[in-house]
């Protein structure tokens, strides 16, 4: 068993556990109740942890988390509004200036 990830947010860890298990990677959450020790121990040492049950699945689990945390291509790339020619940051689906919807090609990361 190997520790894969630790975070203060238990909901995030639960989601990541579900993502991994959906891909057939068995894992467990540990330190769920250690927050009671904060003050006696450093806070970061009390965070819940996500552990991979099978050591041979560790590299695969790391790759899955890397993909899960990678920003979407559409978020990285700005797009140009067809309604008013305003350049809009990639995370937005509508133009702030005229309200036009983002083109589908830009939303999928295939163009601007």
PDB file of N, CA and C in Angstrom:
ATOM      1  N   UNK A   1       0.860  -1.173   0.000  1.00  0.00           N
ATOM      2  CA  UNK A   1       0.000   0.000   0.000  1.00  0.00           C
ATOM      3  C   UNK A   1       0.906   1.236   0.000  1.00  0.00           C
ATOM      4  N   UNK A   2       0.573   2.201  -0.884  1.00  0.00           N
ATOM      5  CA  UNK A   2       1.377   3.420  -0.999  1.00  0.00           C
ATOM      6  C   UNK A   2       0.485   4.646  -0.927  1.00  0.00           C
ATOM      7  N   UNK A   3       0.998   5.684  -0.249  1.00  0.00           N
ATOM      8  CA  UNK A   3       0.259   6.947  -0.179  1.00  0.00           C
ATOM      9  C   UNK A   3       0.371   7.657  -1.517  1.00  0.00           C
ATOM     10  N   UNK A   4      -0.783   8.061  -2.045  1.00  0.00           N
ATOM     11  CA  UNK A   4      -0.831   8.703  -3.357  1.00  0.00           C
ATOM     12  C   UNK A   4      -1.018  10.201  -3.251  1.00  0.00           C
ATOM     13  N   UNK A   5      -1.896  10.634  -2.336  1.00  0.00           N
ATOM     14  CA  UNK A   5      -2.274  12.048  -2.310  1.00  0.00           C
ATOM     15  C   UNK A   5      -2.808  12.401  -0.930  1.00  0.00           C
ATOM     16  N   UNK A   6      -2.607  13.633  -0.526  1.00  0.00           N
ATOM     17  CA  UNK A   6      -3.134  14.139   0.735  1.00  0.00           C
ATOM     18  C   UNK A   6      -3.692  15.531   0.496  1.00  0.00           C
ATOM     19  N   UNK A   7      -4.834  15.823   1.104  1.00  0.00           N
ATOM     20  CA  UNK A   7      -5.447  17.136   0.941  1.00  0.00           C
ATOM     21  C   UNK A   7      -6.311  17.443   2.160  1.00  0.00           C
ATOM     22  N   UNK A   8      -6.500  18.702   2.417  1.00  0.00           N
ATOM     23  CA  UNK A   8      -7.332  19.118   3.535  1.00  0.00           C
ATOM     24  C   UNK A   8      -8.809  18.839   3.247  1.00  0.00           C
ATOM     25  N   UNK A   9      -9.184  18.826   1.984  1.00  0.00           N
ATOM     26  CA  UNK A   9     -10.571  18.686   1.562  1.00  0.00           C
ATOM     27  C   UNK A   9     -10.951  17.214   1.398  1.00  0.00           C
ATOM     28  N   UNK A  10     -11.733  16.707   2.341  1.00  0.00           N
ATOM     29  CA  UNK A  10     -12.154  15.314   2.306  1.00  0.00           C
ATOM     30  C   UNK A  10     -13.056  15.018   1.106  1.00  0.00           C
ATOM     31  N   UNK A  11     -13.862  15.989   0.695  1.00  0.00           N
ATOM     32  CA  UNK A  11     -14.719  15.780  -0.476  1.00  0.00           C
ATOM     33  C   UNK A  11     -13.882  15.557  -1.737  1.00  0.00           C
ATOM     34  N   UNK A  12     -12.793  16.305  -1.865  1.00  0.00           N
ATOM     35  CA  UNK A  12     -11.894  16.129  -3.013  1.00  0.00           C
ATOM     36  C   UNK A  12     -11.299  14.730  -3.003  1.00  0.00           C
ATOM     37  N   UNK A  13     -10.853  14.287  -1.838  1.00  0.00           N
ATOM     38  CA  UNK A  13     -10.271  12.951  -1.759  1.00  0.00           C
ATOM     39  C   UNK A  13     -11.306  11.877  -2.084  1.00  0.00           C
ATOM     40  N   UNK A  14     -12.534  12.061  -1.618  1.00  0.00           N
ATOM     41  CA  UNK A  14     -13.596  11.110  -1.933  1.00  0.00           C
ATOM     42  C   UNK A  14     -13.856  11.042  -3.425  1.00  0.00           C
ATOM     43  N   UNK A  15     -13.837  12.198  -4.075  1.00  0.00           N
ATOM     44  CA  UNK A  15     -14.025  12.240  -5.531  1.00  0.00           C
ATOM     45  C   UNK A  15     -12.876  11.531  -6.242  1.00  0.00           C
ATOM     46  N   UNK A  16     -11.651  11.817  -5.833  1.00  0.00           N
ATOM     47  CA  UNK A  16     -10.496  11.173  -6.470  1.00  0.00           C
ATOM     48  C   UNK A  16     -10.530   9.669  -6.265  1.00  0.00           C
ATOM     49  N   UNK A  17     -10.945   9.238  -5.092  1.00  0.00           N
ATOM     50  CA  UNK A  17     -11.083   7.802  -4.819  1.00  0.00           C
ATOM     51  C   UNK A  17     -12.087   7.190  -5.789  1.00  0.00           C
ATOM     52  N   UNK A  18     -13.200   7.857  -6.011  1.00  0.00           N
ATOM     53  CA  UNK A  18     -14.212   7.362  -6.948  1.00  0.00           C
ATOM     54  C   UNK A  18     -13.669   7.291  -8.370  1.00  0.00           C
ATOM     55  N   UNK A  19     -12.908   8.315  -8.775  1.00  0.00           N
ATOM     56  CA  UNK A  19     -12.316   8.334 -10.119  1.00  0.00           C
ATOM     57  C   UNK A  19     -11.373   7.143 -10.290  1.00  0.00           C
ATOM     58  N   UNK A  20     -10.546   6.900  -9.296  1.00  0.00           N
ATOM     59  CA  UNK A  20      -9.601   5.786  -9.379  1.00  0.00           C
ATOM     60  C   UNK A  20     -10.314   4.437  -9.385  1.00  0.00           C
ATOM     61  N   UNK A  21     -11.299   4.289  -8.513  1.00  0.00           N
ATOM     62  CA  UNK A  21     -12.017   3.015  -8.438  1.00  0.00           C
ATOM     63  C   UNK A  21     -12.809   2.736  -9.717  1.00  0.00           C
ATOM     64  N   UNK A  22     -13.275   3.785 -10.390  1.00  0.00           N
ATOM     65  CA  UNK A  22     -13.971   3.609 -11.661  1.00  0.00           C
ATOM     66  C   UNK A  22     -13.031   3.038 -12.726  1.00  0.00           C
ATOM     67  N   UNK A  23     -11.740   3.210 -12.531  1.00  0.00           N
ATOM     68  CA  UNK A  23     -10.739   2.673 -13.459  1.00  0.00           C
ATOM     69  C   UNK A  23     -10.122   1.373 -12.944  1.00  0.00           C
ATOM     70  N   UNK A  24     -10.735   0.807 -11.913  1.00  0.00           N
ATOM     71  CA  UNK A  24     -10.282  -0.482 -11.395  1.00  0.00           C
ATOM     72  C   UNK A  24      -9.098  -0.405 -10.458  1.00  0.00           C
ATOM     73  N   UNK A  25      -8.797   0.772  -9.938  1.00  0.00           N
ATOM     74  CA  UNK A  25      -7.675   0.942  -9.018  1.00  0.00           C
ATOM     75  C   UNK A  25      -8.229   0.972  -7.591  1.00  0.00           C
ATOM     76  N   UNK A  26      -7.918  -0.048  -6.823  1.00  0.00           N
ATOM     77  CA  UNK A  26      -8.400  -0.109  -5.448  1.00  0.00           C
ATOM     78  C   UNK A  26      -7.612   0.861  -4.579  1.00  0.00           C
ATOM     79  N   UNK A  27      -8.322   1.605  -3.738  1.00  0.00           N
ATOM     80  CA  UNK A  27      -7.671   2.569  -2.862  1.00  0.00           C
ATOM     81  C   UNK A  27      -8.489   2.759  -1.585  1.00  0.00           C
ATOM     82  N   UNK A  28      -7.851   3.357  -0.594  1.00  0.00           N
ATOM     83  CA  UNK A  28      -8.502   3.606   0.694  1.00  0.00           C
ATOM     84  C   UNK A  28      -8.182   5.020   1.160  1.00  0.00           C
ATOM     85  N   UNK A  29      -9.066   5.558   1.981  1.00  0.00           N
ATOM     86  CA  UNK A  29      -8.830   6.849   2.629  1.00  0.00           C
ATOM     87  C   UNK A  29      -8.355   6.578   4.053  1.00  0.00           C
ATOM     88  N   UNK A  30      -7.342   7.308   4.473  1.00  0.00           N
ATOM     89  CA  UNK A  30      -6.800   7.151   5.826  1.00  0.00           C
ATOM     90  C   UNK A  30      -6.729   8.522   6.494  1.00  0.00           C
ATOM     91  N   UNK A  31      -6.541   8.500   7.804  1.00  0.00           N
ATOM     92  CA  UNK A  31      -6.431   9.718   8.636  1.00  0.00           C
ATOM     93  C   UNK A  31      -7.721  10.538   8.625  1.00  0.00           C
ATOM     94  N   UNK A  32      -8.856   9.881   8.510  1.00  0.00           N
ATOM     95  CA  UNK A  32     -10.124  10.610   8.424  1.00  0.00           C
ATOM     96  C   UNK A  32     -10.479  11.334   9.719  1.00  0.00           C
ATOM     97  N   UNK A  33     -10.008  10.847  10.843  1.00  0.00           N
ATOM     98  CA  UNK A  33     -10.384  11.433  12.126  1.00  0.00           C
ATOM     99  C   UNK A  33      -9.194  12.048  12.856  1.00  0.00           C
ATOM    100  N   UNK A  34      -8.111  12.258  12.158  1.00  0.00           N
ATOM    101  CA  UNK A  34      -6.892  12.771  12.779  1.00  0.00           C
ATOM    102  C   UNK A  34      -6.953  14.275  13.036  1.00  0.00           C
ATOM    103  N   UNK A  35      -7.956  14.962  12.521  1.00  0.00           N
ATOM    104  CA  UNK A  35      -8.055  16.411  12.721  1.00  0.00           C
ATOM    105  C   UNK A  35      -8.171  16.772  14.202  1.00  0.00           C
ATOM    106  N   UNK A  36      -8.599  15.839  15.017  1.00  0.00           N
ATOM    107  CA  UNK A  36      -8.671  16.082  16.461  1.00  0.00           C
ATOM    108  C   UNK A  36      -7.286  16.319  17.055  1.00  0.00           C
ATOM    109  N   UNK A  37      -6.234  15.885  16.373  1.00  0.00           N
ATOM    110  CA  UNK A  37      -4.869  16.036  16.872  1.00  0.00           C
ATOM    111  C   UNK A  37      -4.223  17.353  16.448  1.00  0.00           C
ATOM    112  N   UNK A  38      -4.930  18.162  15.639  1.00  0.00           N
ATOM    113  CA  UNK A  38      -4.363  19.452  15.217  1.00  0.00           C
ATOM    114  C   UNK A  38      -4.083  20.281  16.466  1.00  0.00           C
ATOM    115  N   UNK A  39      -2.907  20.818  16.515  1.00  0.00           N
ATOM    116  CA  UNK A  39      -2.454  21.553  17.697  1.00  0.00           C
ATOM    117  C   UNK A  39      -1.367  20.760  18.400  1.00  0.00           C
ATOM    118  N   UNK A  40      -1.571  19.462  18.475  1.00  0.00           N
ATOM    119  CA  UNK A  40      -0.543  18.570  19.007  1.00  0.00           C
ATOM    120  C   UNK A  40       0.413  18.145  17.891  1.00  0.00           C
ATOM    121  N   UNK A  41      -0.124  18.095  16.683  1.00  0.00           N
ATOM    122  CA  UNK A  41       0.638  17.752  15.477  1.00  0.00           C
ATOM    123  C   UNK A  41       0.482  18.882  14.469  1.00  0.00           C
ATOM    124  N   UNK A  42       1.426  19.027  13.547  1.00  0.00           N
ATOM    125  CA  UNK A  42       1.264  20.042  12.500  1.00  0.00           C
ATOM    126  C   UNK A  42       0.003  19.758  11.692  1.00  0.00           C
ATOM    127  N   UNK A  43      -0.766  20.790  11.326  1.00  0.00           N
ATOM    128  CA  UNK A  43      -2.025  20.582  10.601  1.00  0.00           C
ATOM    129  C   UNK A  43      -1.887  19.724   9.345  1.00  0.00           C
ATOM    130  N   UNK A  44      -0.835  19.941   8.568  1.00  0.00           N
ATOM    131  CA  UNK A  44      -0.689  19.185   7.315  1.00  0.00           C
ATOM    132  C   UNK A  44      -0.492  17.692   7.577  1.00  0.00           C
ATOM    133  N   UNK A  45       0.039  17.344   8.736  1.00  0.00           N
ATOM    134  CA  UNK A  45       0.221  15.935   9.093  1.00  0.00           C
ATOM    135  C   UNK A  45      -1.104  15.269   9.450  1.00  0.00           C
ATOM    136  N   UNK A  46      -2.139  16.072   9.673  1.00  0.00           N
ATOM    137  CA  UNK A  46      -3.455  15.563  10.065  1.00  0.00           C
ATOM    138  C   UNK A  46      -4.437  15.492   8.906  1.00  0.00           C
ATOM    139  N   UNK A  47      -4.020  15.875   7.727  1.00  0.00           N
ATOM    140  CA  UNK A  47      -4.904  15.849   6.570  1.00  0.00           C
ATOM    141  C   UNK A  47      -5.241  14.414   6.200  1.00  0.00           C
ATOM    142  N   UNK A  48      -6.441  14.180   5.691  1.00  0.00           N
ATOM    143  CA  UNK A  48      -6.787  12.855   5.182  1.00  0.00           C
ATOM    144  C   UNK A  48      -5.889  12.490   3.999  1.00  0.00           C
ATOM    145  N   UNK A  49      -5.704  11.190   3.811  1.00  0.00           N
ATOM    146  CA  UNK A  49      -4.802  10.706   2.770  1.00  0.00           C
ATOM    147  C   UNK A  49      -5.501   9.667   1.896  1.00  0.00           C
ATOM    148  N   UNK A  50      -5.100   9.629   0.637  1.00  0.00           N
ATOM    149  CA  UNK A  50      -5.578   8.637  -0.319  1.00  0.00           C
ATOM    150  C   UNK A  50      -4.433   7.674  -0.600  1.00  0.00           C
ATOM    151  N   UNK A  51      -4.675   6.402  -0.346  1.00  0.00           N
ATOM    152  CA  UNK A  51      -3.656   5.378  -0.522  1.00  0.00           C
ATOM    153  C   UNK A  51      -4.099   4.376  -1.576  1.00  0.00           C
ATOM    154  N   UNK A  52      -3.165   3.941  -2.419  1.00  0.00           N
ATOM    155  CA  UNK A  52      -3.425   2.898  -3.408  1.00  0.00           C
ATOM    156  C   UNK A  52      -3.185   1.556  -2.718  1.00  0.00           C
ATOM    157  N   UNK A  53      -4.159   0.662  -2.808  1.00  0.00           N
ATOM    158  CA  UNK A  53      -4.073  -0.637  -2.116  1.00  0.00           C
ATOM    159  C   UNK A  53      -3.007  -1.551  -2.702  1.00  0.00           C
ATOM    160  N   UNK A  54      -2.885  -1.569  -4.022  1.00  0.00           N
ATOM    161  CA  UNK A  54      -1.930  -2.458  -4.698  1.00  0.00           C
ATOM    162  C   UNK A  54      -0.754  -1.639  -5.217  1.00  0.00           C
ATOM    163  N   UNK A  55       0.439  -1.944  -4.724  1.00  0.00           N
ATOM    164  CA  UNK A  55       1.634  -1.190  -5.116  1.00  0.00           C
ATOM    165  C   UNK A  55       1.838  -1.144  -6.629  1.00  0.00           C
ATOM    166  N   UNK A  56       1.501  -2.233  -7.324  1.00  0.00           N
ATOM    167  CA  UNK A  56       1.720  -2.278  -8.776  1.00  0.00           C
ATOM    168  C   UNK A  56       0.765  -1.356  -9.537  1.00  0.00           C
ATOM    169  N   UNK A  57      -0.267  -0.838  -8.886  1.00  0.00           N
ATOM    170  CA  UNK A  57      -1.190   0.102  -9.532  1.00  0.00           C
ATOM    171  C   UNK A  57      -0.838   1.566  -9.238  1.00  0.00           C
ATOM    172  N   UNK A  58       0.210   1.779  -8.486  1.00  0.00           N
ATOM    173  CA  UNK A  58       0.580   3.133  -8.064  1.00  0.00           C
ATOM    174  C   UNK A  58       0.887   4.051  -9.253  1.00  0.00           C
ATOM    175  N   UNK A  59       1.701   3.591 -10.187  1.00  0.00           N
ATOM    176  CA  UNK A  59       2.070   4.428 -11.346  1.00  0.00           C
ATOM    177  C   UNK A  59       0.837   4.770 -12.176  1.00  0.00           C
ATOM    178  N   UNK A  60      -0.047   3.796 -12.362  1.00  0.00           N
ATOM    179  CA  UNK A  60      -1.279   4.044 -13.105  1.00  0.00           C
ATOM    180  C   UNK A  60      -2.145   5.070 -12.371  1.00  0.00           C
ATOM    181  N   UNK A  61      -2.219   4.951 -11.057  1.00  0.00           N
ATOM    182  CA  UNK A  61      -3.009   5.892 -10.253  1.00  0.00           C
ATOM    183  C   UNK A  61      -2.445   7.306 -10.361  1.00  0.00           C
ATOM    184  N   UNK A  62      -1.122   7.436 -10.340  1.00  0.00           N
ATOM    185  CA  UNK A  62      -0.495   8.743 -10.515  1.00  0.00           C
ATOM    186  C   UNK A  62      -0.869   9.347 -11.864  1.00  0.00           C
ATOM    187  N   UNK A  63      -0.858   8.541 -12.908  1.00  0.00           N
ATOM    188  CA  UNK A  63      -1.197   9.024 -14.252  1.00  0.00           C
ATOM    189  C   UNK A  63      -2.653   9.475 -14.300  1.00  0.00           C
ATOM    190  N   UNK A  64      -3.541   8.738 -13.654  1.00  0.00           N
ATOM    191  CA  UNK A  64      -4.959   9.113 -13.630  1.00  0.00           C
ATOM    192  C   UNK A  64      -5.126  10.453 -12.918  1.00  0.00           C
ATOM    193  N   UNK A  65      -4.452  10.642 -11.787  1.00  0.00           N
ATOM    194  CA  UNK A  65      -4.560  11.914 -11.063  1.00  0.00           C
ATOM    195  C   UNK A  65      -3.952  13.064 -11.860  1.00  0.00           C
ATOM    196  N   UNK A  66      -2.874  12.812 -12.557  1.00  0.00           N
ATOM    197  CA  UNK A  66      -2.263  13.856 -13.388  1.00  0.00           C
ATOM    198  C   UNK A  66      -3.252  14.334 -14.442  1.00  0.00           C
ATOM    199  N   UNK A  67      -3.947  13.384 -15.083  1.00  0.00           N
ATOM    200  CA  UNK A  67      -4.957  13.758 -16.070  1.00  0.00           C
ATOM    201  C   UNK A  67      -6.140  14.465 -15.417  1.00  0.00           C
ATOM    202  N   UNK A  68      -6.518  14.014 -14.226  1.00  0.00           N
ATOM    203  CA  UNK A  68      -7.662  14.617 -13.531  1.00  0.00           C
ATOM    204  C   UNK A  68      -7.377  16.070 -13.149  1.00  0.00           C
ATOM    205  N   UNK A  69      -6.140  16.376 -12.820  1.00  0.00           N
ATOM    206  CA  UNK A  69      -5.788  17.725 -12.409  1.00  0.00           C
ATOM    207  C   UNK A  69      -5.351  18.622 -13.558  1.00  0.00           C
ATOM    208  N   UNK A  70      -5.122  18.048 -14.721  1.00  0.00           N
ATOM    209  CA  UNK A  70      -4.696  18.844 -15.877  1.00  0.00           C
ATOM    210  C   UNK A  70      -5.836  19.761 -16.310  1.00  0.00           C
ATOM    211  N   UNK A  71      -5.533  21.025 -16.555  1.00  0.00           N
ATOM    212  CA  UNK A  71      -6.593  21.928 -17.017  1.00  0.00           C
ATOM    213  C   UNK A  71      -7.068  21.511 -18.407  1.00  0.00           C
ATOM    214  N   UNK A  72      -8.344  21.718 -18.648  1.00  0.00           N
ATOM    215  CA  UNK A  72      -8.895  21.426 -19.968  1.00  0.00           C
ATOM    216  C   UNK A  72      -8.255  22.330 -21.008  1.00  0.00           C
ATOM    217  N   UNK A  73      -8.090  21.830 -22.217  1.00  0.00           N
ATOM    218  CA  UNK A  73      -7.510  22.632 -23.289  1.00  0.00           C
ATOM    219  C   UNK A  73      -8.341  23.886 -23.540  1.00  0.00           C
ATOM    220  N   UNK A  74      -9.653  23.762 -23.399  1.00  0.00           N
ATOM    221  CA  UNK A  74     -10.515  24.914 -23.661  1.00  0.00           C
ATOM    222  C   UNK A  74     -10.318  26.014 -22.622  1.00  0.00           C
ATOM    223  N   UNK A  75      -9.896  25.658 -21.419  1.00  0.00           N
ATOM    224  CA  UNK A  75      -9.682  26.663 -20.376  1.00  0.00           C
ATOM    225  C   UNK A  75      -8.375  27.413 -20.623  1.00  0.00           C
ATOM    226  N   UNK A  76      -7.406  26.745 -21.191  1.00  0.00           N
ATOM    227  CA  UNK A  76      -6.115  27.365 -21.456  1.00  0.00           C
ATOM    228  C   UNK A  76      -6.190  28.413 -22.565  1.00  0.00           C
ATOM    229  N   UNK A  77      -7.072  28.192 -23.536  1.00  0.00           N
ATOM    230  CA  UNK A  77      -7.049  28.983 -24.757  1.00  0.00           C
ATOM    231  C   UNK A  77      -8.163  30.027 -24.785  1.00  0.00           C
ATOM    232  N   UNK A  78      -7.793  31.268 -25.000  1.00  0.00           N
ATOM    233  CA  UNK A  78      -8.784  32.336 -25.155  1.00  0.00           C
ATOM    234  C   UNK A  78      -9.519  32.157 -26.471  1.00  0.00           C
ATOM    235  N   UNK A  79     -10.693  32.787 -26.585  1.00  0.00           N
ATOM    236  CA  UNK A  79     -11.484  32.703 -27.809  1.00  0.00           C
ATOM    237  C   UNK A  79     -12.012  34.084 -28.169  1.00  0.00           C
ATOM    238  N   UNK A  80     -12.307  34.257 -29.436  1.00  0.00           N
ATOM    239  CA  UNK A  80     -12.781  35.544 -29.937  1.00  0.00           C
ATOM    240  C   UNK A  80     -14.282  35.465 -30.196  1.00  0.00           C
ATOM    241  N   UNK A  81     -15.030  36.397 -29.620  1.00  0.00           N
ATOM    242  CA  UNK A  81     -16.479  36.437 -29.764  1.00  0.00           C
ATOM    243  C   UNK A  81     -16.838  36.756 -31.213  1.00  0.00           C
ATOM    244  N   UNK A  82     -17.748  35.970 -31.773  1.00  0.00           N
ATOM    245  CA  UNK A  82     -18.208  36.205 -33.141  1.00  0.00           C
ATOM    246  C   UNK A  82     -19.169  37.393 -33.210  1.00  0.00           C
ATOM    247  N   UNK A  83     -19.759  37.748 -32.066  1.00  0.00           N
ATOM    248  CA  UNK A  83     -20.722  38.846 -32.046  1.00  0.00           C
ATOM    249  C   UNK A  83     -20.087  40.220 -32.000  1.00  0.00           C
ATOM    250  N   UNK A  84     -18.977  40.356 -31.230  1.00  0.00           N
ATOM    251  CA  UNK A  84     -18.410  41.696 -31.051  1.00  0.00           C
ATOM    252  C   UNK A  84     -16.883  41.731 -31.167  1.00  0.00           C
ATOM    253  N   UNK A  85     -16.262  40.611 -31.507  1.00  0.00           N
ATOM    254  CA  UNK A  85     -14.803  40.502 -31.660  1.00  0.00           C
ATOM    255  C   UNK A  85     -14.020  40.698 -30.371  1.00  0.00           C
ATOM    256  N   UNK A  86     -14.676  40.604 -29.227  1.00  0.00           N
ATOM    257  CA  UNK A  86     -13.989  40.706 -27.937  1.00  0.00           C
ATOM    258  C   UNK A  86     -13.223  39.409 -27.674  1.00  0.00           C
ATOM    259  N   UNK A  87     -12.008  39.518 -27.136  1.00  0.00           N
ATOM    260  CA  UNK A  87     -11.237  38.335 -26.775  1.00  0.00           C
ATOM    261  C   UNK A  87     -11.633  37.956 -25.344  1.00  0.00           C
ATOM    262  N   UNK A  88     -12.066  36.690 -25.167  1.00  0.00           N
ATOM    263  CA  UNK A  88     -12.585  36.203 -23.893  1.00  0.00           C
ATOM    264  C   UNK A  88     -11.655  35.113 -23.360  1.00  0.00           C
ATOM    265  N   UNK A  89     -11.405  35.122 -22.053  1.00  0.00           N
ATOM    266  CA  UNK A  89     -10.567  34.093 -21.440  1.00  0.00           C
ATOM    267  C   UNK A  89     -11.231  32.725 -21.591  1.00  0.00           C
ATOM    268  N   UNK A  90     -10.413  31.696 -21.682  1.00  0.00           N
ATOM    269  CA  UNK A  90     -10.865  30.358 -22.014  1.00  0.00           C
ATOM    270  C   UNK A  90     -11.894  29.727 -21.099  1.00  0.00           C
ATOM    271  N   UNK A  91     -11.934  30.100 -19.825  1.00  0.00           N
ATOM    272  CA  UNK A  91     -12.860  29.439 -18.912  1.00  0.00           C
ATOM    273  C   UNK A  91     -14.307  29.907 -19.066  1.00  0.00           C
ATOM    274  N   UNK A  92     -14.543  30.978 -19.829  1.00  0.00           N
ATOM    275  CA  UNK A  92     -15.888  31.526 -19.963  1.00  0.00           C
ATOM    276  C   UNK A  92     -16.604  30.966 -21.186  1.00  0.00           C
ATOM    277  N   UNK A  93     -17.887  30.673 -21.024  1.00  0.00           N
ATOM    278  CA  UNK A  93     -18.700  30.120 -22.110  1.00  0.00           C
ATOM    279  C   UNK A  93     -19.506  31.174 -22.846  1.00  0.00           C
ATOM    280  N   UNK A  94     -19.583  32.374 -22.277  1.00  0.00           N
ATOM    281  CA  UNK A  94     -20.328  33.468 -22.899  1.00  0.00           C
ATOM    282  C   UNK A  94     -19.475  34.731 -22.895  1.00  0.00           C
ATOM    283  N   UNK A  95     -19.712  35.569 -23.877  1.00  0.00           N
ATOM    284  CA  UNK A  95     -19.018  36.848 -23.970  1.00  0.00           C
ATOM    285  C   UNK A  95     -19.532  37.773 -22.870  1.00  0.00           C
ATOM    286  N   UNK A  96     -18.642  38.398 -22.147  1.00  0.00           N
ATOM    287  CA  UNK A  96     -19.042  39.309 -21.074  1.00  0.00           C
ATOM    288  C   UNK A  96     -19.634  40.597 -21.645  1.00  0.00           C
ATOM    289  N   UNK A  97     -19.257  40.919 -22.881  1.00  0.00           N
ATOM    290  CA  UNK A  97     -19.661  42.195 -23.464  1.00  0.00           C
ATOM    291  C   UNK A  97     -21.038  42.122 -24.145  1.00  0.00           C
ATOM    292  N   UNK A  98     -21.252  41.089 -24.969  1.00  0.00           N
ATOM    293  CA  UNK A  98     -22.519  41.027 -25.722  1.00  0.00           C
ATOM    294  C   UNK A  98     -23.380  39.822 -25.357  1.00  0.00           C
ATOM    295  N   UNK A  99     -22.846  38.882 -24.587  1.00  0.00           N
ATOM    296  CA  UNK A  99     -23.622  37.724 -24.157  1.00  0.00           C
ATOM    297  C   UNK A  99     -23.680  36.576 -25.141  1.00  0.00           C
ATOM    298  N   UNK A 100     -22.955  36.679 -26.262  1.00  0.00           N
ATOM    299  CA  UNK A 100     -22.962  35.613 -27.262  1.00  0.00           C
ATOM    300  C   UNK A 100     -22.316  34.352 -26.682  1.00  0.00           C
ATOM    301  N   UNK A 101     -22.828  33.182 -27.069  1.00  0.00           N
ATOM    302  CA  UNK A 101     -22.277  31.901 -26.622  1.00  0.00           C
ATOM    303  C   UNK A 101     -20.947  31.619 -27.317  1.00  0.00           C
ATOM    304  N   UNK A 102     -20.100  30.907 -26.636  1.00  0.00           N
ATOM    305  CA  UNK A 102     -18.817  30.480 -27.193  1.00  0.00           C
ATOM    306  C   UNK A 102     -19.064  29.468 -28.313  1.00  0.00           C
ATOM    307  N   UNK A 103     -18.346  29.572 -29.424  1.00  0.00           N
ATOM    308  CA  UNK A 103     -18.491  28.583 -30.496  1.00  0.00           C
ATOM    309  C   UNK A 103     -18.116  27.191 -30.012  1.00  0.00           C
ATOM    310  N   UNK A 104     -18.775  26.174 -30.513  1.00  0.00           N
ATOM    311  CA  UNK A 104     -18.508  24.785 -30.075  1.00  0.00           C
ATOM    312  C   UNK A 104     -17.070  24.381 -30.317  1.00  0.00           C
ATOM    313  N   UNK A 105     -16.494  24.741 -31.431  1.00  0.00           N
ATOM    314  CA  UNK A 105     -15.109  24.365 -31.731  1.00  0.00           C
ATOM    315  C   UNK A 105     -14.168  24.921 -30.696  1.00  0.00           C
ATOM    316  N   UNK A 106     -14.391  26.158 -30.244  1.00  0.00           N
ATOM    317  CA  UNK A 106     -13.539  26.760 -29.224  1.00  0.00           C
ATOM    318  C   UNK A 106     -13.751  26.074 -27.882  1.00  0.00           C
ATOM    319  N   UNK A 107     -14.973  25.683 -27.583  1.00  0.00           N
ATOM    320  CA  UNK A 107     -15.273  25.031 -26.321  1.00  0.00           C
ATOM    321  C   UNK A 107     -14.626  23.662 -26.230  1.00  0.00           C
ATOM    322  N   UNK A 108     -14.448  22.975 -27.344  1.00  0.00           N
ATOM    323  CA  UNK A 108     -13.839  21.652 -27.336  1.00  0.00           C
ATOM    324  C   UNK A 108     -12.315  21.717 -27.442  1.00  0.00           C
ATOM    325  N   UNK A 109     -11.774  22.933 -27.605  1.00  0.00           N
ATOM    326  CA  UNK A 109     -10.334  23.099 -27.708  1.00  0.00           C
ATOM    327  C   UNK A 109      -9.806  22.902 -29.109  1.00  0.00           C
ATOM    328  N   UNK A 110     -10.694  22.860 -30.126  1.00  0.00           N
ATOM    329  CA  UNK A 110     -10.272  22.609 -31.500  1.00  0.00           C
ATOM    330  C   UNK A 110     -10.042  23.876 -32.306  1.00  0.00           C
ATOM    331  N   UNK A 111     -10.254  25.037 -31.693  1.00  0.00           N
ATOM    332  CA  UNK A 111     -10.025  26.277 -32.444  1.00  0.00           C
ATOM    333  C   UNK A 111     -10.500  27.483 -31.676  1.00  0.00           C
ATOM    334  N   UNK A 112     -10.381  28.657 -32.280  1.00  0.00           N
ATOM    335  CA  UNK A 112     -10.831  29.859 -31.607  1.00  0.00           C
ATOM    336  C   UNK A 112     -12.106  30.374 -32.214  1.00  0.00           C
TER     337      UNK A 112
END
